[in-house]
N, C-alpha and C. Protein backbone atom coordinates (compact mmCIF):
# COMPACT_ATOMS: atom_id res chain seq x y z
N MET A 1 -133.40 162.66 138.58
CA MET A 1 -133.46 163.45 137.53
C MET A 1 -134.36 162.22 137.37
N LYS A 2 -135.19 162.80 137.18
CA LYS A 2 -136.56 161.68 136.09
C LYS A 2 -137.34 162.40 134.78
N VAL A 3 -138.09 161.88 134.29
CA VAL A 3 -138.95 161.58 133.44
C VAL A 3 -139.67 162.65 132.99
N GLY A 4 -138.80 163.87 132.47
CA GLY A 4 -139.84 165.48 132.26
C GLY A 4 -139.48 166.72 133.20
N ASP A 5 -137.96 166.14 133.73
CA ASP A 5 -137.07 167.38 133.93
C ASP A 5 -136.18 167.88 132.78
N LEU A 6 -136.01 169.37 132.97
CA LEU A 6 -135.53 170.03 132.01
C LEU A 6 -134.16 170.28 132.38
N VAL A 7 -133.08 169.93 131.10
CA VAL A 7 -131.70 169.30 131.54
C VAL A 7 -130.61 170.40 130.46
N ARG A 8 -130.01 171.03 130.97
CA ARG A 8 -128.37 171.67 130.02
C ARG A 8 -127.71 170.59 129.97
N VAL A 9 -127.52 170.30 128.80
CA VAL A 9 -126.19 169.58 128.05
C VAL A 9 -125.25 170.64 129.07
N ILE A 10 -123.95 169.54 129.45
CA ILE A 10 -122.89 170.11 129.44
C ILE A 10 -121.58 170.06 128.46
N ASN A 11 -122.08 169.02 128.50
CA ASN A 11 -120.60 168.62 126.77
C ASN A 11 -120.95 168.06 125.86
N GLY A 12 -120.88 168.19 124.43
CA GLY A 12 -122.03 167.46 123.67
C GLY A 12 -121.02 166.00 122.67
N THR A 13 -120.70 165.38 124.23
CA THR A 13 -120.52 163.82 123.73
C THR A 13 -122.12 162.83 123.81
N GLY A 14 -122.67 162.54 123.08
CA GLY A 14 -123.61 162.13 122.87
C GLY A 14 -124.01 159.82 122.64
N TYR A 15 -125.21 159.84 122.30
CA TYR A 15 -125.40 158.58 121.64
C TYR A 15 -126.68 159.21 120.71
N PHE A 16 -126.99 158.57 118.96
CA PHE A 16 -127.93 158.69 118.90
C PHE A 16 -128.02 157.26 117.77
N GLU A 17 -129.60 157.47 117.83
CA GLU A 17 -130.32 156.26 117.25
C GLU A 17 -130.52 156.40 115.79
N GLU A 18 -130.13 155.27 114.58
CA GLU A 18 -130.83 155.40 113.35
C GLU A 18 -130.93 154.83 113.30
N GLY A 19 -132.77 153.89 112.81
CA GLY A 19 -133.06 152.44 112.98
C GLY A 19 -132.44 151.83 114.26
N ASP A 20 -132.04 150.50 113.15
CA ASP A 20 -131.45 149.49 114.96
C ASP A 20 -130.68 150.48 115.18
N TYR A 21 -129.86 151.16 115.31
CA TYR A 21 -128.20 151.65 115.29
C TYR A 21 -128.74 152.51 116.35
N LYS A 22 -127.38 152.43 117.27
CA LYS A 22 -126.80 153.61 118.31
C LYS A 22 -125.74 153.79 118.23
N TYR A 23 -125.33 154.92 118.29
CA TYR A 23 -123.94 155.80 116.78
C TYR A 23 -123.47 156.45 118.33
N SER A 24 -122.30 156.62 118.14
CA SER A 24 -121.60 157.75 119.47
C SER A 24 -121.26 158.05 118.60
N CYS A 25 -121.16 159.94 119.61
CA CYS A 25 -120.63 160.87 118.49
C CYS A 25 -120.19 162.88 119.21
N MET A 26 -119.86 162.60 118.58
CA MET A 26 -119.68 164.29 119.30
C MET A 26 -121.03 165.34 118.67
N TRP A 27 -121.36 165.19 119.02
CA TRP A 27 -122.70 166.73 119.34
C TRP A 27 -121.74 167.87 119.62
N PRO A 28 -121.41 168.78 119.50
CA PRO A 28 -120.69 170.38 119.90
C PRO A 28 -122.05 171.22 120.09
N GLU A 29 -122.34 171.45 118.79
CA GLU A 29 -123.46 172.00 119.00
C GLU A 29 -124.88 172.18 119.74
N SER A 30 -124.84 170.41 120.63
CA SER A 30 -125.44 169.86 121.83
C SER A 30 -125.27 171.14 122.60
N ALA A 31 -124.13 171.58 123.19
CA ALA A 31 -122.90 171.50 124.51
C ALA A 31 -123.98 172.77 125.09
N GLY A 32 -124.52 173.27 125.83
CA GLY A 32 -125.61 174.45 126.77
C GLY A 32 -126.82 174.28 125.72
N GLN A 33 -127.52 173.86 125.11
CA GLN A 33 -128.81 173.80 125.09
C GLN A 33 -129.35 172.93 126.13
N VAL A 34 -131.21 172.96 126.03
CA VAL A 34 -131.59 172.26 126.95
C VAL A 34 -132.77 171.93 126.24
N GLY A 35 -132.95 170.24 127.36
CA GLY A 35 -133.43 169.38 126.77
C GLY A 35 -134.36 168.52 127.68
N ILE A 36 -135.55 168.54 127.33
CA ILE A 36 -136.13 166.93 128.12
C ILE A 36 -135.36 165.95 128.42
N VAL A 37 -135.83 165.42 129.76
CA VAL A 37 -135.60 164.21 129.65
C VAL A 37 -137.16 162.83 129.24
N VAL A 38 -136.65 162.08 128.39
CA VAL A 38 -137.93 161.13 128.03
C VAL A 38 -137.87 159.41 128.06
N GLU A 39 -136.44 159.31 128.42
CA GLU A 39 -136.60 158.08 129.47
C GLU A 39 -134.49 158.16 130.02
N LEU A 40 -135.35 157.28 130.85
CA LEU A 40 -133.87 156.98 131.66
C LEU A 40 -133.63 155.85 132.46
N PRO A 41 -132.83 154.78 132.67
CA PRO A 41 -131.91 155.25 132.19
C PRO A 41 -132.60 154.14 130.69
N THR A 42 -131.46 154.66 129.71
CA THR A 42 -131.28 153.25 128.72
C THR A 42 -130.43 152.04 128.56
N ARG A 43 -129.29 152.66 129.10
CA ARG A 43 -128.18 152.05 129.25
C ARG A 43 -127.02 152.27 130.03
N LYS A 44 -125.79 151.26 129.57
CA LYS A 44 -124.90 152.10 131.10
C LYS A 44 -123.37 151.62 129.86
N VAL A 45 -122.36 152.71 130.03
CA VAL A 45 -121.49 152.75 129.02
C VAL A 45 -120.37 152.14 130.54
N PHE A 46 -119.75 151.12 129.57
CA PHE A 46 -118.13 151.46 130.64
C PHE A 46 -116.81 152.81 129.61
N ASN A 47 -116.64 153.33 130.18
CA ASN A 47 -115.13 153.45 130.07
C ASN A 47 -113.87 153.04 130.21
N HIS A 48 -112.86 153.32 129.76
CA HIS A 48 -111.45 152.92 130.97
C HIS A 48 -111.10 154.03 131.42
N ASP A 49 -112.11 155.17 131.10
CA ASP A 49 -110.99 156.07 131.37
C ASP A 49 -111.93 157.14 132.47
N SER A 50 -112.93 156.12 132.45
CA SER A 50 -113.92 156.62 134.06
C SER A 50 -113.89 155.72 135.14
N ILE A 51 -114.79 156.39 135.90
CA ILE A 51 -114.86 155.07 136.94
C ILE A 51 -116.48 154.14 136.52
N GLY A 52 -116.20 152.92 136.42
CA GLY A 52 -117.25 153.04 136.64
C GLY A 52 -118.41 152.62 135.20
N ASN A 53 -119.58 151.68 135.68
CA ASN A 53 -120.73 151.88 134.84
C ASN A 53 -121.27 153.60 135.15
N GLN A 54 -121.62 153.93 133.73
CA GLN A 54 -122.34 155.44 133.91
C GLN A 54 -123.38 155.14 132.91
N GLU A 55 -124.38 155.36 133.55
CA GLU A 55 -126.53 155.30 132.97
C GLU A 55 -126.99 156.38 132.20
N THR A 56 -127.14 156.03 130.93
CA THR A 56 -127.34 157.42 130.08
C THR A 56 -128.96 157.87 130.03
N VAL A 57 -129.09 158.57 129.35
CA VAL A 57 -130.00 159.29 129.69
C VAL A 57 -130.73 159.35 127.90
N LYS A 58 -131.90 159.57 127.86
CA LYS A 58 -132.33 159.81 126.82
C LYS A 58 -132.55 160.82 126.70
N ILE A 59 -132.90 161.82 125.97
CA ILE A 59 -133.00 163.44 126.16
C ILE A 59 -133.87 163.48 124.84
N LEU A 60 -134.88 164.59 124.34
CA LEU A 60 -134.88 165.24 123.27
C LEU A 60 -134.45 166.65 123.15
N VAL A 61 -133.94 166.92 122.81
CA VAL A 61 -132.54 168.18 122.62
C VAL A 61 -132.13 168.62 120.81
N ALA A 62 -132.65 170.47 121.38
CA ALA A 62 -132.79 170.43 119.50
C ALA A 62 -133.30 170.05 118.62
N GLY A 63 -134.62 169.45 118.75
CA GLY A 63 -135.10 168.98 118.01
C GLY A 63 -135.67 167.38 117.64
N GLU A 64 -133.98 166.75 118.41
CA GLU A 64 -133.51 165.19 118.11
C GLU A 64 -133.62 164.28 119.35
N PHE A 65 -133.91 163.00 119.42
CA PHE A 65 -133.59 162.21 120.27
C PHE A 65 -132.14 161.52 120.57
N ALA A 66 -131.93 161.91 121.68
CA ALA A 66 -130.18 161.00 121.65
C ALA A 66 -130.23 161.72 123.00
N GLU A 67 -129.72 160.31 123.39
CA GLU A 67 -128.34 159.61 125.14
C GLU A 67 -127.29 160.25 125.06
N PHE A 68 -127.53 160.45 126.45
CA PHE A 68 -125.96 161.76 126.94
C PHE A 68 -125.84 160.14 128.96
N LYS A 69 -124.50 160.79 128.98
CA LYS A 69 -124.62 160.16 130.30
C LYS A 69 -124.80 160.95 131.32
N ARG A 70 -125.83 160.52 132.26
CA ARG A 70 -126.32 161.44 133.19
C ARG A 70 -125.29 162.25 133.86
N LEU A 71 -124.08 162.07 133.85
CA LEU A 71 -123.48 163.55 134.68
C LEU A 71 -122.38 164.84 133.83
N ALA A 72 -123.06 164.00 132.41
CA ALA A 72 -123.05 165.36 131.02
C ALA A 72 -124.06 166.12 131.47
N LEU A 73 -125.16 165.73 131.99
CA LEU A 73 -126.48 166.85 132.01
C LEU A 73 -126.61 167.48 133.31
N GLU A 74 -127.12 168.20 133.65
CA GLU A 74 -127.44 169.88 134.45
C GLU A 74 -128.85 169.63 134.40
N VAL A 75 -128.80 169.24 135.71
CA VAL A 75 -130.97 169.56 136.18
C VAL A 75 -131.46 171.11 136.27
N ILE A 76 -131.79 171.72 135.22
CA ILE A 76 -132.39 172.73 135.94
C ILE A 76 -133.34 173.22 136.24
N ASN A 77 -134.62 172.31 135.75
CA ASN A 77 -135.50 172.51 136.27
C ASN A 77 -136.16 170.92 136.52
N GLU A 78 -137.06 170.56 137.87
CA GLU A 78 -136.95 169.42 138.01
C GLU A 78 -138.73 169.72 137.46
N SER A 79 -139.60 168.05 136.94
CA SER A 79 -140.77 168.22 136.70
C SER A 79 -141.04 167.44 138.23
N ARG A 80 -142.51 167.64 138.34
CA ARG A 80 -143.52 167.54 139.34
C ARG A 80 -143.94 166.38 139.55
């Protein structure tokens, strides 16, 4: 996965920025939506129910910038 790739959001769990703050969110409307990768990796997230750290990827989806775990995204068209 790289900047410019088109991706599909597998589930609606992500992160979004508002000012200087980042919020974890459930965004069910984003599930199945197509977005474009604008930055990676932005940070690592550790969840107690997962194995190790997971990188997040910033994408533009549904007119909003949001971060999703790399595992929550499916590459559908790679940029050249």
